[in-house]
Amino acid sequence: MTAIITSTTHNTPVNTYNKEFKVRRENAELPLRDCVRHAVDAYFKNLNGHPGEGLYALLLSEIEKPLLESVMQHTGSNQSRSAEVLGISRSTMRKKLKHYQID
């Protein structure tokens, strides 16, 4: 299944806007937060009585790498601009890129 993330609101200037993201899946649009909720609910259902541990780290690792890759693609691999888009420092951006082995 391919997910397409779209913004539903645009305010300017760019670095102070508030966006609600939606993911379009099979002709239905869901806010990104609902997609996360569905995924977490499915995770708990699939535990089959086993304790769930480390969910926060698991969730971050699942979303952070594709987020970084998408932002880097959007900015033409400009690390400074990508850090600005994400609202993190350039050194944090470099650290995350190194961690996920993203060039």
N, C-alpha and C. Protein backbone atom coordinates (compact mmCIF):
# COMPACT_ATOMS: atom_id res chain seq x y z
N MET A 1 0.84 -1.17 0.00
CA MET A 1 0.00 0.00 0.00
C MET A 1 0.88 1.23 0.00
N THR A 2 0.60 2.17 -0.88
CA THR A 2 1.35 3.40 -0.96
C THR A 2 0.59 4.50 -0.24
N ALA A 3 1.26 5.24 0.58
CA ALA A 3 0.64 6.35 1.30
C ALA A 3 1.16 7.65 0.73
N ILE A 4 0.27 8.58 0.50
CA ILE A 4 0.63 9.90 0.00
C ILE A 4 0.27 10.90 1.08
N ILE A 5 1.24 11.63 1.58
CA ILE A 5 1.00 12.60 2.64
C ILE A 5 0.74 13.95 2.00
N THR A 6 -0.37 14.57 2.37
CA THR A 6 -0.70 15.88 1.84
C THR A 6 -1.01 16.83 3.00
N SER A 7 -0.80 18.10 2.78
CA SER A 7 -1.10 19.11 3.77
C SER A 7 -2.50 19.65 3.49
N THR A 8 -3.24 19.90 4.57
CA THR A 8 -4.58 20.43 4.39
C THR A 8 -4.69 21.91 4.74
N THR A 9 -3.65 22.47 5.34
CA THR A 9 -3.66 23.91 5.64
C THR A 9 -2.30 24.51 5.33
N HIS A 10 -2.29 25.73 4.87
CA HIS A 10 -1.04 26.44 4.62
C HIS A 10 -1.17 27.84 5.22
N ASN A 11 -0.30 28.20 6.11
CA ASN A 11 -0.20 29.56 6.64
C ASN A 11 1.22 30.02 6.42
N THR A 12 1.43 31.30 6.29
CA THR A 12 2.77 31.80 6.09
C THR A 12 3.18 32.62 7.30
N PRO A 13 4.45 32.84 7.56
CA PRO A 13 5.59 32.31 6.82
C PRO A 13 5.75 30.81 7.04
N VAL A 14 6.54 30.19 6.18
CA VAL A 14 6.65 28.74 6.15
C VAL A 14 7.08 28.15 7.48
N ASN A 15 8.05 28.77 8.16
CA ASN A 15 8.55 28.16 9.38
C ASN A 15 7.65 28.38 10.59
N THR A 16 6.49 29.03 10.42
CA THR A 16 5.57 29.18 11.54
C THR A 16 4.19 28.64 11.22
N TYR A 17 4.07 27.87 10.15
CA TYR A 17 2.77 27.36 9.78
C TYR A 17 2.35 26.18 10.64
N ASN A 18 1.07 25.95 10.66
CA ASN A 18 0.48 24.83 11.36
C ASN A 18 -0.17 23.94 10.33
N LYS A 19 0.23 22.69 10.23
CA LYS A 19 -0.31 21.81 9.20
C LYS A 19 -0.99 20.61 9.83
N GLU A 20 -2.03 20.16 9.18
CA GLU A 20 -2.61 18.87 9.51
C GLU A 20 -2.30 17.98 8.33
N PHE A 21 -1.62 16.87 8.58
CA PHE A 21 -1.25 15.97 7.50
C PHE A 21 -2.28 14.87 7.39
N LYS A 22 -2.56 14.49 6.17
CA LYS A 22 -3.46 13.37 5.92
C LYS A 22 -2.76 12.37 5.02
N VAL A 23 -3.08 11.13 5.19
CA VAL A 23 -2.53 10.08 4.36
C VAL A 23 -3.67 9.50 3.54
N ARG A 24 -3.48 9.51 2.23
CA ARG A 24 -4.50 8.98 1.33
C ARG A 24 -4.21 7.51 1.09
N ARG A 25 -5.14 6.67 1.45
CA ARG A 25 -4.98 5.24 1.26
C ARG A 25 -6.22 4.71 0.59
N GLU A 26 -6.04 4.13 -0.57
CA GLU A 26 -7.14 3.48 -1.28
C GLU A 26 -8.40 4.36 -1.29
N ASN A 27 -8.26 5.56 -1.81
CA ASN A 27 -9.37 6.51 -1.97
C ASN A 27 -9.95 7.04 -0.67
N ALA A 28 -9.30 6.84 0.45
CA ALA A 28 -9.79 7.38 1.72
C ALA A 28 -8.68 8.21 2.35
N GLU A 29 -9.01 9.38 2.83
CA GLU A 29 -8.02 10.23 3.49
C GLU A 29 -8.18 10.12 5.00
N LEU A 30 -7.06 9.88 5.67
CA LEU A 30 -7.03 9.80 7.12
C LEU A 30 -5.95 10.75 7.63
N PRO A 31 -6.20 11.46 8.73
CA PRO A 31 -5.11 12.24 9.32
C PRO A 31 -3.97 11.30 9.70
N LEU A 32 -2.75 11.78 9.58
CA LEU A 32 -1.58 10.97 9.89
C LEU A 32 -1.68 10.39 11.29
N ARG A 33 -2.17 11.17 12.24
CA ARG A 33 -2.29 10.68 13.62
C ARG A 33 -3.22 9.47 13.71
N ASP A 34 -4.26 9.43 12.86
CA ASP A 34 -5.16 8.27 12.86
C ASP A 34 -4.46 7.05 12.28
N CYS A 35 -3.61 7.25 11.28
CA CYS A 35 -2.83 6.13 10.73
C CYS A 35 -1.91 5.55 11.79
N VAL A 36 -1.28 6.44 12.57
CA VAL A 36 -0.40 5.98 13.65
C VAL A 36 -1.23 5.22 14.67
N ARG A 37 -2.37 5.76 15.04
CA ARG A 37 -3.25 5.11 16.02
C ARG A 37 -3.64 3.71 15.54
N HIS A 38 -4.02 3.59 14.27
CA HIS A 38 -4.40 2.28 13.72
C HIS A 38 -3.22 1.31 13.77
N ALA A 39 -2.04 1.79 13.43
CA ALA A 39 -0.85 0.93 13.45
C ALA A 39 -0.53 0.47 14.86
N VAL A 40 -0.63 1.37 15.84
CA VAL A 40 -0.35 1.00 17.23
C VAL A 40 -1.41 0.03 17.74
N ASP A 41 -2.67 0.27 17.41
CA ASP A 41 -3.73 -0.66 17.80
C ASP A 41 -3.48 -2.05 17.21
N ALA A 42 -3.07 -2.11 15.96
CA ALA A 42 -2.76 -3.39 15.31
C ALA A 42 -1.57 -4.07 16.01
N TYR A 43 -0.59 -3.27 16.42
CA TYR A 43 0.57 -3.79 17.14
C TYR A 43 0.11 -4.50 18.42
N PHE A 44 -0.77 -3.81 19.19
CA PHE A 44 -1.25 -4.40 20.44
C PHE A 44 -2.08 -5.65 20.19
N LYS A 45 -2.88 -5.66 19.14
CA LYS A 45 -3.70 -6.84 18.82
C LYS A 45 -2.81 -8.03 18.47
N ASN A 46 -1.68 -7.76 17.82
CA ASN A 46 -0.78 -8.84 17.39
C ASN A 46 0.16 -9.33 18.48
N LEU A 47 0.11 -8.73 19.66
CA LEU A 47 0.97 -9.18 20.75
C LEU A 47 0.54 -10.54 21.30
N ASN A 48 -0.72 -10.88 21.12
CA ASN A 48 -1.24 -12.18 21.58
C ASN A 48 -0.90 -12.46 23.04
N GLY A 49 -1.12 -11.47 23.90
CA GLY A 49 -0.89 -11.67 25.32
C GLY A 49 0.52 -11.41 25.79
N HIS A 50 1.45 -11.23 24.88
CA HIS A 50 2.83 -10.94 25.26
C HIS A 50 2.93 -9.47 25.66
N PRO A 51 3.81 -9.17 26.61
CA PRO A 51 3.95 -7.77 27.01
C PRO A 51 4.60 -6.94 25.90
N GLY A 52 4.09 -5.78 25.70
CA GLY A 52 4.69 -4.87 24.73
C GLY A 52 5.74 -4.01 25.41
N GLU A 53 6.93 -4.01 24.87
CA GLU A 53 8.00 -3.22 25.47
C GLU A 53 8.73 -2.45 24.37
N GLY A 54 9.20 -1.28 24.71
CA GLY A 54 9.99 -0.50 23.79
C GLY A 54 9.21 0.08 22.62
N LEU A 55 7.91 0.28 22.82
CA LEU A 55 7.06 0.76 21.73
C LEU A 55 7.48 2.15 21.24
N TYR A 56 7.84 3.02 22.15
CA TYR A 56 8.22 4.39 21.76
C TYR A 56 9.43 4.36 20.82
N ALA A 57 10.47 3.62 21.20
CA ALA A 57 11.67 3.52 20.36
C ALA A 57 11.35 2.85 19.03
N LEU A 58 10.51 1.81 19.07
CA LEU A 58 10.11 1.12 17.85
C LEU A 58 9.37 2.07 16.91
N LEU A 59 8.44 2.82 17.44
CA LEU A 59 7.67 3.76 16.62
C LEU A 59 8.56 4.83 16.03
N LEU A 60 9.43 5.40 16.84
CA LEU A 60 10.35 6.43 16.33
C LEU A 60 11.24 5.89 15.23
N SER A 61 11.76 4.68 15.42
CA SER A 61 12.64 4.12 14.40
C SER A 61 11.89 3.83 13.11
N GLU A 62 10.62 3.54 13.19
CA GLU A 62 9.82 3.26 12.00
C GLU A 62 9.48 4.53 11.21
N ILE A 63 9.32 5.65 11.91
CA ILE A 63 8.91 6.86 11.20
C ILE A 63 10.06 7.83 10.93
N GLU A 64 11.09 7.79 11.76
CA GLU A 64 12.14 8.80 11.65
C GLU A 64 12.95 8.67 10.36
N LYS A 65 13.34 7.46 9.99
CA LYS A 65 14.16 7.29 8.79
C LYS A 65 13.42 7.74 7.54
N PRO A 66 12.18 7.28 7.28
CA PRO A 66 11.50 7.76 6.07
C PRO A 66 11.22 9.26 6.12
N LEU A 67 11.01 9.80 7.32
CA LEU A 67 10.81 11.24 7.45
C LEU A 67 12.07 11.98 7.00
N LEU A 68 13.21 11.55 7.50
CA LEU A 68 14.48 12.18 7.14
C LEU A 68 14.75 12.04 5.64
N GLU A 69 14.50 10.85 5.10
CA GLU A 69 14.72 10.63 3.67
C GLU A 69 13.83 11.54 2.82
N SER A 70 12.58 11.68 3.21
CA SER A 70 11.65 12.53 2.45
C SER A 70 12.05 14.00 2.51
N VAL A 71 12.43 14.46 3.70
CA VAL A 71 12.83 15.86 3.85
C VAL A 71 14.12 16.13 3.08
N MET A 72 15.06 15.20 3.15
CA MET A 72 16.30 15.37 2.39
C MET A 72 16.02 15.42 0.89
N GLN A 73 15.13 14.60 0.41
CA GLN A 73 14.77 14.62 -1.00
C GLN A 73 14.11 15.95 -1.35
N HIS A 74 13.23 16.41 -0.48
CA HIS A 74 12.52 17.68 -0.70
C HIS A 74 13.47 18.87 -0.79
N THR A 75 14.55 18.82 -0.01
CA THR A 75 15.48 19.94 0.04
C THR A 75 16.69 19.74 -0.86
N GLY A 76 16.65 18.72 -1.70
CA GLY A 76 17.80 18.46 -2.57
C GLY A 76 19.03 18.06 -1.81
N SER A 77 18.86 17.33 -0.73
CA SER A 77 19.94 16.84 0.14
C SER A 77 20.69 17.95 0.86
N ASN A 78 20.05 19.09 1.03
CA ASN A 78 20.65 20.20 1.76
C ASN A 78 20.38 19.98 3.26
N GLN A 79 21.43 19.60 3.99
CA GLN A 79 21.27 19.27 5.40
C GLN A 79 20.83 20.46 6.24
N SER A 80 21.35 21.63 5.95
CA SER A 80 20.97 22.82 6.71
C SER A 80 19.50 23.14 6.50
N ARG A 81 19.06 23.10 5.27
CA ARG A 81 17.65 23.37 4.96
C ARG A 81 16.75 22.28 5.54
N SER A 82 17.19 21.03 5.48
CA SER A 82 16.41 19.92 6.04
C SER A 82 16.25 20.08 7.54
N ALA A 83 17.33 20.46 8.21
CA ALA A 83 17.26 20.70 9.66
C ALA A 83 16.27 21.82 9.96
N GLU A 84 16.30 22.86 9.16
CA GLU A 84 15.38 23.98 9.33
C GLU A 84 13.93 23.53 9.15
N VAL A 85 13.67 22.74 8.11
CA VAL A 85 12.32 22.24 7.84
C VAL A 85 11.81 21.41 9.03
N LEU A 86 12.71 20.60 9.60
CA LEU A 86 12.33 19.73 10.72
C LEU A 86 12.32 20.46 12.06
N GLY A 87 12.93 21.63 12.11
CA GLY A 87 12.98 22.36 13.37
C GLY A 87 14.00 21.80 14.35
N ILE A 88 15.09 21.25 13.81
CA ILE A 88 16.16 20.71 14.64
C ILE A 88 17.47 21.39 14.24
N SER A 89 18.48 21.24 15.08
CA SER A 89 19.78 21.85 14.76
C SER A 89 20.46 21.06 13.65
N ARG A 90 21.40 21.72 12.98
CA ARG A 90 22.15 21.07 11.91
C ARG A 90 22.97 19.90 12.45
N SER A 91 23.52 20.06 13.64
CA SER A 91 24.31 18.96 14.22
C SER A 91 23.42 17.77 14.57
N THR A 92 22.22 18.02 15.05
CA THR A 92 21.28 16.92 15.31
C THR A 92 20.89 16.24 14.00
N MET A 93 20.71 17.03 12.96
CA MET A 93 20.38 16.47 11.65
C MET A 93 21.50 15.55 11.18
N ARG A 94 22.73 16.02 11.26
CA ARG A 94 23.87 15.20 10.83
C ARG A 94 23.96 13.91 11.65
N LYS A 95 23.72 14.02 12.95
CA LYS A 95 23.76 12.84 13.83
C LYS A 95 22.70 11.82 13.42
N LYS A 96 21.49 12.28 13.11
CA LYS A 96 20.41 11.38 12.70
C LYS A 96 20.70 10.76 11.34
N LEU A 97 21.23 11.54 10.41
CA LEU A 97 21.57 11.00 9.10
C LEU A 97 22.64 9.91 9.22
N LYS A 98 23.61 10.15 10.09
CA LYS A 98 24.66 9.15 10.30
C LYS A 98 24.08 7.90 10.94
N HIS A 99 23.20 8.08 11.94
CA HIS A 99 22.59 6.95 12.63
C HIS A 99 21.82 6.05 11.67
N TYR A 100 21.07 6.65 10.75
CA TYR A 100 20.27 5.88 9.80
C TYR A 100 21.00 5.60 8.49
N GLN A 101 22.27 5.97 8.43
CA GLN A 101 23.12 5.76 7.25
C GLN A 101 22.47 6.33 5.99
N ILE A 102 22.04 7.58 6.10
CA ILE A 102 21.45 8.31 4.97
C ILE A 102 22.51 9.29 4.47
N ASP A 103 22.81 9.23 3.20
CA ASP A 103 23.84 10.12 2.63
C ASP A 103 23.23 11.42 2.16
